[in-house]
Amino acid sequence: MNRLQSFLDLAAGAPPERDGRHFRTWQRVSIQVQREVRWLAVKKFSTANLDRAFTMVVYSSCHPSHGQRPMEFTYDLGDPAAIPMALRLIGRSLQARLTQISVRFEEDARMRRRFAPVWHMDILSAVKKKPRLLIELLAREATMINALIDLGTMRDERMTKRFLKSTLAAARVLGVDSDTLLDLVLRTGVENLSHGRILEDDDAAATGSPDAGIGSSEDRDHGSPDGGGQVADAGIVPDVHACG
């Protein structure tokens, strides 16, 4: 638990809730944790179940939530707009992810074709038709990150137990080792707190703003944004949160 103690020590020096820098500090932590967790998920995914594999690829390509002041740091899966926002202008990042994945199948031409970047719209459409797992992935991720931020803010035993429990639940749905996920999340938190780097431009961190480098040209894929499609079934969200 040395990593946990390092996180707690650094969090003790972070700006308090009433400080204007509090949101920007934990916003950066949240964004980086979202990116790292999604990359871990796609590195470990299995192709045994193609529906799940496609969902993991789409999940790993979702734009991280930039949150909303004063204290919202992740997607709110109770909001019907959350899934369309996460998938907004996802075309280029999904193609890039599929390019990374398809090279893994050098000796399996069939699987390489299935994950070829040219099929990104078909893969996205398939996931939108069965969004339950994507919703659960984002919900578990959000619960874990919010627990991490609460732990960093309050630093007590109750918050520690809540964070460890939420990380274990997230690891199960992600299909990754819980100790690996725990170490990744804490390490990312430590790195971003220790660097002391705060997003300088609040406008650049507006709610749902796409990652840097994602251009508006993606909005022209088939004449509409990739995110414009099926709205998430919010009925799953109470079940997800009730379990963790």
C-alpha atoms as a PDB file:
ATOM      1  CA  MET A   1       0.000   0.000   0.000  1.00  0.00           C
ATOM      2  CA  ASN A   2       2.998   2.338  -0.442  1.00  0.00           C
ATOM      3  CA  ARG A   3       1.327   3.743  -3.560  1.00  0.00           C
ATOM      4  CA  LEU A   4      -1.829   4.469  -1.570  1.00  0.00           C
ATOM      5  CA  GLN A   5       0.126   6.308   1.112  1.00  0.00           C
ATOM      6  CA  SER A   6       1.993   8.315  -1.510  1.00  0.00           C
ATOM      7  CA  PHE A   7      -1.332   9.330  -3.027  1.00  0.00           C
ATOM      8  CA  LEU A   8      -2.731  10.338   0.366  1.00  0.00           C
ATOM      9  CA  ASP A   9       0.382  12.364   1.222  1.00  0.00           C
ATOM     10  CA  LEU A  10       0.224  14.285  -2.063  1.00  0.00           C
ATOM     11  CA  ALA A  11      -3.550  14.747  -1.858  1.00  0.00           C
ATOM     12  CA  ALA A  12      -3.128  16.356   1.557  1.00  0.00           C
ATOM     13  CA  GLY A  13      -1.296  19.198  -0.189  1.00  0.00           C
ATOM     14  CA  ALA A  14      -3.855  19.623  -2.981  1.00  0.00           C
ATOM     15  CA  PRO A  15      -6.076  22.737  -3.013  1.00  0.00           C
ATOM     16  CA  PRO A  16      -9.090  22.394  -0.675  1.00  0.00           C
ATOM     17  CA  GLU A  17     -12.649  22.373  -1.984  1.00  0.00           C
ATOM     18  CA  ARG A  18     -13.169  26.105  -1.475  1.00  0.00           C
ATOM     19  CA  ASP A  19     -10.027  26.925  -3.448  1.00  0.00           C
ATOM     20  CA  GLY A  20     -10.647  27.837  -7.097  1.00  0.00           C
ATOM     21  CA  ARG A  21      -7.844  25.466  -8.110  1.00  0.00           C
ATOM     22  CA  HIS A  22      -9.548  22.427  -6.555  1.00  0.00           C
ATOM     23  CA  PHE A  23     -11.679  21.628  -9.595  1.00  0.00           C
ATOM     24  CA  ARG A  24      -8.843  22.038 -12.084  1.00  0.00           C
ATOM     25  CA  THR A  25      -6.478  19.891 -10.023  1.00  0.00           C
ATOM     26  CA  TRP A  26      -8.852  16.936  -9.737  1.00  0.00           C
ATOM     27  CA  GLN A  27     -10.166  17.463 -13.250  1.00  0.00           C
ATOM     28  CA  ARG A  28      -6.700  16.716 -14.564  1.00  0.00           C
ATOM     29  CA  VAL A  29      -6.436  13.614 -12.386  1.00  0.00           C
ATOM     30  CA  SER A  30      -9.836  12.395 -13.604  1.00  0.00           C
ATOM     31  CA  ILE A  31      -9.036  12.918 -17.291  1.00  0.00           C
ATOM     32  CA  GLN A  32      -5.730  11.078 -17.050  1.00  0.00           C
ATOM     33  CA  VAL A  33      -7.219   8.185 -15.069  1.00  0.00           C
ATOM     34  CA  GLN A  34      -9.975   7.809 -17.689  1.00  0.00           C
ATOM     35  CA  ARG A  35      -7.371   7.613 -20.453  1.00  0.00           C
ATOM     36  CA  GLU A  36      -5.128   5.151 -18.616  1.00  0.00           C
ATOM     37  CA  VAL A  37      -7.958   2.836 -17.556  1.00  0.00           C
ATOM     38  CA  ARG A  38      -9.377   2.679 -21.073  1.00  0.00           C
ATOM     39  CA  TRP A  39      -5.976   1.888 -22.543  1.00  0.00           C
ATOM     40  CA  LEU A  40      -5.496  -0.890 -19.962  1.00  0.00           C
ATOM     41  CA  ALA A  41      -8.902  -2.320 -20.850  1.00  0.00           C
ATOM     42  CA  VAL A  42      -8.167  -2.562 -24.562  1.00  0.00           C
ATOM     43  CA  LYS A  43      -4.702  -4.014 -23.940  1.00  0.00           C
ATOM     44  CA  LYS A  44      -6.254  -6.857 -21.953  1.00  0.00           C
ATOM     45  CA  PHE A  45      -9.403  -7.476 -23.976  1.00  0.00           C
ATOM     46  CA  SER A  46     -10.282 -10.881 -25.406  1.00  0.00           C
ATOM     47  CA  THR A  47     -11.805 -11.680 -28.796  1.00  0.00           C
ATOM     48  CA  ALA A  48     -13.589 -14.781 -27.494  1.00  0.00           C
ATOM     49  CA  ASN A  49     -16.827 -12.766 -27.382  1.00  0.00           C
ATOM     50  CA  LEU A  50     -16.947 -10.341 -30.298  1.00  0.00           C
ATOM     51  CA  ASP A  51     -19.821  -8.256 -28.912  1.00  0.00           C
ATOM     52  CA  ARG A  52     -17.802  -7.640 -25.766  1.00  0.00           C
ATOM     53  CA  ALA A  53     -14.598  -7.077 -27.755  1.00  0.00           C
ATOM     54  CA  PHE A  54     -16.261  -4.436 -29.942  1.00  0.00           C
ATOM     55  CA  THR A  55     -17.642  -2.706 -26.853  1.00  0.00           C
ATOM     56  CA  MET A  56     -14.214  -2.651 -25.211  1.00  0.00           C
ATOM     57  CA  VAL A  57     -12.727  -1.058 -28.331  1.00  0.00           C
ATOM     58  CA  VAL A  58     -15.430   1.614 -28.440  1.00  0.00           C
ATOM     59  CA  TYR A  59     -15.127   2.208 -24.679  1.00  0.00           C
ATOM     60  CA  SER A  60     -11.373   2.666 -24.989  1.00  0.00           C
ATOM     61  CA  SER A  61     -11.959   5.249 -27.735  1.00  0.00           C
ATOM     62  CA  CYS A  62     -14.548   7.334 -25.842  1.00  0.00           C
ATOM     63  CA  HIS A  63     -13.614  10.898 -25.097  1.00  0.00           C
ATOM     64  CA  PRO A  64     -12.824  11.454 -21.419  1.00  0.00           C
ATOM     65  CA  SER A  65     -15.294  13.567 -19.499  1.00  0.00           C
ATOM     66  CA  HIS A  66     -13.915  17.009 -18.694  1.00  0.00           C
ATOM     67  CA  GLY A  67     -16.461  17.396 -15.934  1.00  0.00           C
ATOM     68  CA  GLN A  68     -18.368  20.445 -14.859  1.00  0.00           C
ATOM     69  CA  ARG A  69     -17.851  22.880 -12.042  1.00  0.00           C
ATOM     70  CA  PRO A  70     -18.036  22.822  -9.142  1.00  0.00           C
ATOM     71  CA  MET A  71     -17.697  19.115  -8.320  1.00  0.00           C
ATOM     72  CA  GLU A  72     -18.583  16.957 -11.323  1.00  0.00           C
ATOM     73  CA  PHE A  73     -15.542  15.119 -12.668  1.00  0.00           C
ATOM     74  CA  THR A  74     -16.968  12.217 -14.694  1.00  0.00           C
ATOM     75  CA  TYR A  75     -19.879  11.314 -16.926  1.00  0.00           C
ATOM     76  CA  ASP A  76     -23.236  11.183 -15.143  1.00  0.00           C
ATOM     77  CA  LEU A  77     -24.773   8.000 -16.540  1.00  0.00           C
ATOM     78  CA  GLY A  78     -28.161   9.088 -15.210  1.00  0.00           C
ATOM     79  CA  ASP A  79     -28.102  11.821 -17.862  1.00  0.00           C
ATOM     80  CA  PRO A  80     -29.435  10.574 -21.241  1.00  0.00           C
ATOM     81  CA  ALA A  81     -26.906  12.862 -22.947  1.00  0.00           C
ATOM     82  CA  ALA A  82     -23.910  11.128 -21.344  1.00  0.00           C
ATOM     83  CA  ILE A  83     -23.462   8.337 -23.899  1.00  0.00           C
ATOM     84  CA  PRO A  84     -23.904  10.591 -26.952  1.00  0.00           C
ATOM     85  CA  MET A  85     -21.370  12.966 -25.402  1.00  0.00           C
ATOM     86  CA  ALA A  86     -18.851  10.183 -24.795  1.00  0.00           C
ATOM     87  CA  LEU A  87     -19.271   9.012 -28.398  1.00  0.00           C
ATOM     88  CA  ARG A  88     -19.313  12.477 -29.958  1.00  0.00           C
ATOM     89  CA  LEU A  89     -16.833  12.769 -32.849  1.00  0.00           C
ATOM     90  CA  ILE A  90     -15.352   9.393 -31.950  1.00  0.00           C
ATOM     91  CA  GLY A  91     -14.632   8.360 -35.548  1.00  0.00           C
ATOM     92  CA  ARG A  92     -10.977   9.344 -35.754  1.00  0.00           C
ATOM     93  CA  SER A  93     -10.012   8.004 -32.318  1.00  0.00           C
ATOM     94  CA  LEU A  94     -11.880   4.737 -32.993  1.00  0.00           C
ATOM     95  CA  GLN A  95     -10.066   4.277 -36.298  1.00  0.00           C
ATOM     96  CA  ALA A  96      -6.741   4.941 -34.585  1.00  0.00           C
ATOM     97  CA  ARG A  97      -7.540   2.393 -31.873  1.00  0.00           C
ATOM     98  CA  LEU A  98      -8.543  -0.216 -34.448  1.00  0.00           C
ATOM     99  CA  THR A  99      -5.278   0.399 -36.295  1.00  0.00           C
ATOM    100  CA  GLN A 100      -3.383  -0.357 -33.074  1.00  0.00           C
ATOM    101  CA  ILE A 101      -5.424  -3.481 -32.436  1.00  0.00           C
ATOM    102  CA  SER A 102      -5.490  -4.960 -35.928  1.00  0.00           C
ATOM    103  CA  VAL A 103      -1.697  -5.254 -36.072  1.00  0.00           C
ATOM    104  CA  ARG A 104      -1.912  -7.754 -33.205  1.00  0.00           C
ATOM    105  CA  PHE A 105      -3.499 -10.257 -35.569  1.00  0.00           C
ATOM    106  CA  GLU A 106      -0.676 -10.618 -38.067  1.00  0.00           C
ATOM    107  CA  GLU A 107      -1.143 -14.394 -38.089  1.00  0.00           C
ATOM    108  CA  ASP A 108      -4.948 -14.332 -38.055  1.00  0.00           C
ATOM    109  CA  ALA A 109      -6.235 -12.704 -41.242  1.00  0.00           C
ATOM    110  CA  ARG A 110      -9.872 -13.251 -40.266  1.00  0.00           C
ATOM    111  CA  MET A 111      -9.590 -11.340 -36.975  1.00  0.00           C
ATOM    112  CA  ARG A 112      -7.454  -8.666 -38.587  1.00  0.00           C
ATOM    113  CA  ARG A 113     -10.258  -8.004 -41.073  1.00  0.00           C
ATOM    114  CA  ARG A 114     -12.860  -7.900 -38.301  1.00  0.00           C
ATOM    115  CA  PHE A 115     -10.930  -5.161 -36.478  1.00  0.00           C
ATOM    116  CA  ALA A 116      -9.818  -3.260 -39.572  1.00  0.00           C
ATOM    117  CA  PRO A 117     -10.281   0.546 -39.234  1.00  0.00           C
ATOM    118  CA  VAL A 118     -12.492   0.581 -42.325  1.00  0.00           C
ATOM    119  CA  TRP A 119     -15.231  -1.121 -40.259  1.00  0.00           C
ATOM    120  CA  HIS A 120     -15.263   1.495 -37.480  1.00  0.00           C
ATOM    121  CA  MET A 121     -18.797   2.706 -38.265  1.00  0.00           C
ATOM    122  CA  ASP A 122     -20.158  -0.842 -38.300  1.00  0.00           C
ATOM    123  CA  ILE A 123     -18.488  -1.614 -34.969  1.00  0.00           C
ATOM    124  CA  LEU A 124     -19.832   1.584 -33.450  1.00  0.00           C
ATOM    125  CA  SER A 125     -23.340   0.835 -34.711  1.00  0.00           C
ATOM    126  CA  ALA A 126     -23.202  -2.691 -33.255  1.00  0.00           C
ATOM    127  CA  VAL A 127     -22.257  -1.304 -29.825  1.00  0.00           C
ATOM    128  CA  LYS A 128     -25.003   1.323 -29.951  1.00  0.00           C
ATOM    129  CA  LYS A 129     -27.561  -1.423 -30.574  1.00  0.00           C
ATOM    130  CA  LYS A 130     -26.408  -3.246 -27.415  1.00  0.00           C
ATOM    131  CA  PRO A 131     -25.198  -0.427 -25.127  1.00  0.00           C
ATOM    132  CA  ARG A 132     -25.619  -2.133 -21.752  1.00  0.00           C
ATOM    133  CA  LEU A 133     -21.971  -3.121 -21.286  1.00  0.00           C
ATOM    134  CA  LEU A 134     -20.715   0.286 -22.462  1.00  0.00           C
ATOM    135  CA  ILE A 135     -22.995   1.990 -19.942  1.00  0.00           C
ATOM    136  CA  GLU A 136     -21.756  -0.280 -17.165  1.00  0.00           C
ATOM    137  CA  LEU A 137     -18.108   0.290 -18.081  1.00  0.00           C
ATOM    138  CA  LEU A 138     -18.509   4.061 -17.963  1.00  0.00           C
ATOM    139  CA  ALA A 139     -20.586   3.867 -14.772  1.00  0.00           C
ATOM    140  CA  ARG A 140     -18.035   1.696 -12.944  1.00  0.00           C
ATOM    141  CA  GLU A 141     -15.236   3.932 -14.167  1.00  0.00           C
ATOM    142  CA  ALA A 142     -17.075   7.026 -12.893  1.00  0.00           C
ATOM    143  CA  THR A 143     -17.795   5.472  -9.510  1.00  0.00           C
ATOM    144  CA  MET A 144     -14.130   4.525  -9.089  1.00  0.00           C
ATOM    145  CA  ILE A 145     -12.798   7.952 -10.093  1.00  0.00           C
ATOM    146  CA  ASN A 146     -15.264   9.792  -7.882  1.00  0.00           C
ATOM    147  CA  ALA A 147     -14.228   7.530  -5.000  1.00  0.00           C
ATOM    148  CA  LEU A 148     -10.564   8.332  -5.715  1.00  0.00           C
ATOM    149  CA  ILE A 149     -11.251  12.073  -5.600  1.00  0.00           C
ATOM    150  CA  ASP A 150     -13.314  11.728  -2.408  1.00  0.00           C
ATOM    151  CA  LEU A 151     -10.446   9.743  -0.896  1.00  0.00           C
ATOM    152  CA  GLY A 152      -7.973  12.448  -1.856  1.00  0.00           C
ATOM    153  CA  THR A 153     -10.243  15.131  -0.411  1.00  0.00           C
ATOM    154  CA  MET A 154     -11.258  13.449   2.865  1.00  0.00           C
ATOM    155  CA  ARG A 155      -8.458  10.908   3.402  1.00  0.00           C
ATOM    156  CA  ASP A 156     -10.247   8.759   5.985  1.00  0.00           C
ATOM    157  CA  GLU A 157     -10.807   5.035   6.442  1.00  0.00           C
ATOM    158  CA  ARG A 158     -14.373   5.073   5.143  1.00  0.00           C
ATOM    159  CA  MET A 159     -13.282   6.684   1.871  1.00  0.00           C
ATOM    160  CA  THR A 160     -10.390   4.237   1.583  1.00  0.00           C
ATOM    161  CA  LYS A 161     -12.765   1.273   1.835  1.00  0.00           C
ATOM    162  CA  ARG A 162     -15.132   2.860  -0.662  1.00  0.00           C
ATOM    163  CA  PHE A 163     -12.328   3.436  -3.158  1.00  0.00           C
ATOM    164  CA  LEU A 164     -10.962  -0.108  -2.829  1.00  0.00           C
ATOM    165  CA  LYS A 165     -14.462  -1.580  -3.219  1.00  0.00           C
ATOM    166  CA  SER A 166     -15.227   0.512  -6.314  1.00  0.00           C
ATOM    167  CA  THR A 167     -11.882  -0.426  -7.884  1.00  0.00           C
ATOM    168  CA  LEU A 168     -12.573  -4.118  -7.356  1.00  0.00           C
ATOM    169  CA  ALA A 169     -16.016  -3.731  -8.971  1.00  0.00           C
ATOM    170  CA  ALA A 170     -14.525  -1.839 -11.923  1.00  0.00           C
ATOM    171  CA  ALA A 171     -11.833  -4.491 -12.412  1.00  0.00           C
ATOM    172  CA  ARG A 172     -14.481  -7.196 -12.671  1.00  0.00           C
ATOM    173  CA  VAL A 173     -16.421  -5.522 -15.462  1.00  0.00           C
ATOM    174  CA  LEU A 174     -13.221  -4.437 -17.234  1.00  0.00           C
ATOM    175  CA  GLY A 175     -11.881  -7.990 -17.089  1.00  0.00           C
ATOM    176  CA  VAL A 176      -8.536  -6.936 -15.603  1.00  0.00           C
ATOM    177  CA  ASP A 177      -6.626  -7.870 -12.458  1.00  0.00           C
ATOM    178  CA  SER A 178      -7.819  -5.734  -9.528  1.00  0.00           C
ATOM    179  CA  ASP A 179      -4.306  -5.167  -8.150  1.00  0.00           C
ATOM    180  CA  THR A 180      -3.120  -4.020 -11.585  1.00  0.00           C
ATOM    181  CA  LEU A 181      -6.028  -1.592 -11.871  1.00  0.00           C
ATOM    182  CA  LEU A 182      -5.524  -0.317  -8.322  1.00  0.00           C
ATOM    183  CA  ASP A 183      -1.844   0.336  -8.946  1.00  0.00           C
ATOM    184  CA  LEU A 184      -2.575   2.059 -12.258  1.00  0.00           C
ATOM    185  CA  VAL A 185      -5.192   4.408 -10.797  1.00  0.00           C
ATOM    186  CA  LEU A 186      -3.104   5.351  -7.763  1.00  0.00           C
ATOM    187  CA  ARG A 187       0.046   5.785  -9.847  1.00  0.00           C
ATOM    188  CA  THR A 188      -1.794   8.062 -12.266  1.00  0.00           C
ATOM    189  CA  GLY A 189      -3.148  10.069  -9.351  1.00  0.00           C
ATOM    190  CA  VAL A 190       0.311  10.366  -7.795  1.00  0.00           C
ATOM    191  CA  GLU A 191       1.928  11.421 -11.076  1.00  0.00           C
ATOM    192  CA  ASN A 192      -0.597  14.137 -11.799  1.00  0.00           C
ATOM    193  CA  LEU A 193      -0.662  15.480  -8.259  1.00  0.00           C
ATOM    194  CA  SER A 194       3.117  15.451  -7.903  1.00  0.00           C
ATOM    195  CA  HIS A 195       3.655  17.247 -11.204  1.00  0.00           C
ATOM    196  CA  GLY A 196       1.404  19.987  -9.903  1.00  0.00           C
ATOM    197  CA  ARG A 197       0.213  20.684 -13.410  1.00  0.00           C
ATOM    198  CA  ILE A 198      -3.181  22.381 -13.544  1.00  0.00           C
ATOM    199  CA  LEU A 199      -5.151  23.027 -16.699  1.00  0.00           C
ATOM    200  CA  GLU A 200      -4.439  26.687 -17.316  1.00  0.00           C
ATOM    201  CA  ASP A 201      -7.316  27.531 -19.612  1.00  0.00           C
ATOM    202  CA  ASP A 202     -10.709  26.820 -18.093  1.00  0.00           C
ATOM    203  CA  ASP A 203     -12.363  27.218 -21.494  1.00  0.00           C
ATOM    204  CA  ALA A 204     -10.192  24.408 -22.884  1.00  0.00           C
ATOM    205  CA  ALA A 205     -11.614  22.147 -20.213  1.00  0.00           C
ATOM    206  CA  ALA A 206     -15.244  22.850 -20.939  1.00  0.00           C
ATOM    207  CA  THR A 207     -17.714  20.083 -20.319  1.00  0.00           C
ATOM    208  CA  GLY A 208     -17.361  17.357 -22.921  1.00  0.00           C
ATOM    209  CA  SER A 209     -14.761  19.179 -24.995  1.00  0.00           C
ATOM    210  CA  PRO A 210     -12.997  16.729 -27.310  1.00  0.00           C
ATOM    211  CA  ASP A 211      -9.376  15.774 -26.850  1.00  0.00           C
ATOM    212  CA  ALA A 212      -6.821  18.094 -28.386  1.00  0.00           C
ATOM    213  CA  GLY A 213      -6.141  17.190 -31.991  1.00  0.00           C
ATOM    214  CA  ILE A 214      -9.651  15.917 -32.706  1.00  0.00           C
ATOM    215  CA  GLY A 215     -10.895  18.139 -35.489  1.00  0.00           C
ATOM    216  CA  SER A 216     -14.346  19.106 -36.623  1.00  0.00           C
ATOM    217  CA  SER A 217     -13.830  17.154 -39.827  1.00  0.00           C
ATOM    218  CA  GLU A 218     -14.977  14.036 -37.980  1.00  0.00           C
ATOM    219  CA  ASP A 219     -18.425  15.548 -37.910  1.00  0.00           C
ATOM    220  CA  ARG A 220     -18.628  14.829 -41.616  1.00  0.00           C
ATOM    221  CA  ASP A 221     -18.480  11.031 -41.288  1.00  0.00           C
ATOM    222  CA  HIS A 222     -21.564   9.870 -43.180  1.00  0.00           C
ATOM    223  CA  GLY A 223     -22.982  13.369 -42.785  1.00  0.00           C
ATOM    224  CA  SER A 224     -23.481  13.282 -39.012  1.00  0.00           C
ATOM    225  CA  PRO A 225     -21.499  13.070 -35.770  1.00  0.00           C
ATOM    226  CA  ASP A 226     -20.698   9.530 -34.687  1.00  0.00           C
ATOM    227  CA  GLY A 227     -22.303  10.258 -31.356  1.00  0.00           C
ATOM    228  CA  GLY A 228     -25.694  10.922 -32.872  1.00  0.00           C
ATOM    229  CA  GLY A 229     -27.477   7.642 -32.367  1.00  0.00           C
ATOM    230  CA  GLN A 230     -29.167   5.520 -29.802  1.00  0.00           C
ATOM    231  CA  VAL A 231     -29.509   7.115 -26.388  1.00  0.00           C
ATOM    232  CA  ALA A 232     -28.300   4.994 -23.528  1.00  0.00           C
ATOM    233  CA  ASP A 233     -30.814   2.987 -21.569  1.00  0.00           C
ATOM    234  CA  ALA A 234     -30.653   4.824 -18.269  1.00  0.00           C
ATOM    235  CA  GLY A 235     -32.527   1.956 -16.622  1.00  0.00           C
ATOM    236  CA  ILE A 236     -29.284   0.100 -16.100  1.00  0.00           C
ATOM    237  CA  VAL A 237     -27.636   2.904 -14.127  1.00  0.00           C
ATOM    238  CA  PRO A 238     -29.493   2.399 -10.828  1.00  0.00           C
ATOM    239  CA  ASP A 239     -28.627  -1.313 -11.019  1.00  0.00           C
ATOM    240  CA  VAL A 240     -24.967  -0.552 -11.656  1.00  0.00           C
ATOM    241  CA  HIS A 241     -24.669   1.909  -8.802  1.00  0.00           C
ATOM    242  CA  ALA A 242     -26.652  -0.321  -6.476  1.00  0.00           C
ATOM    243  CA  CYS A 243     -24.083  -3.068  -6.952  1.00  0.00           C
ATOM    244  CA  GLY A 244     -21.147  -0.878  -6.011  1.00  0.00           C
END
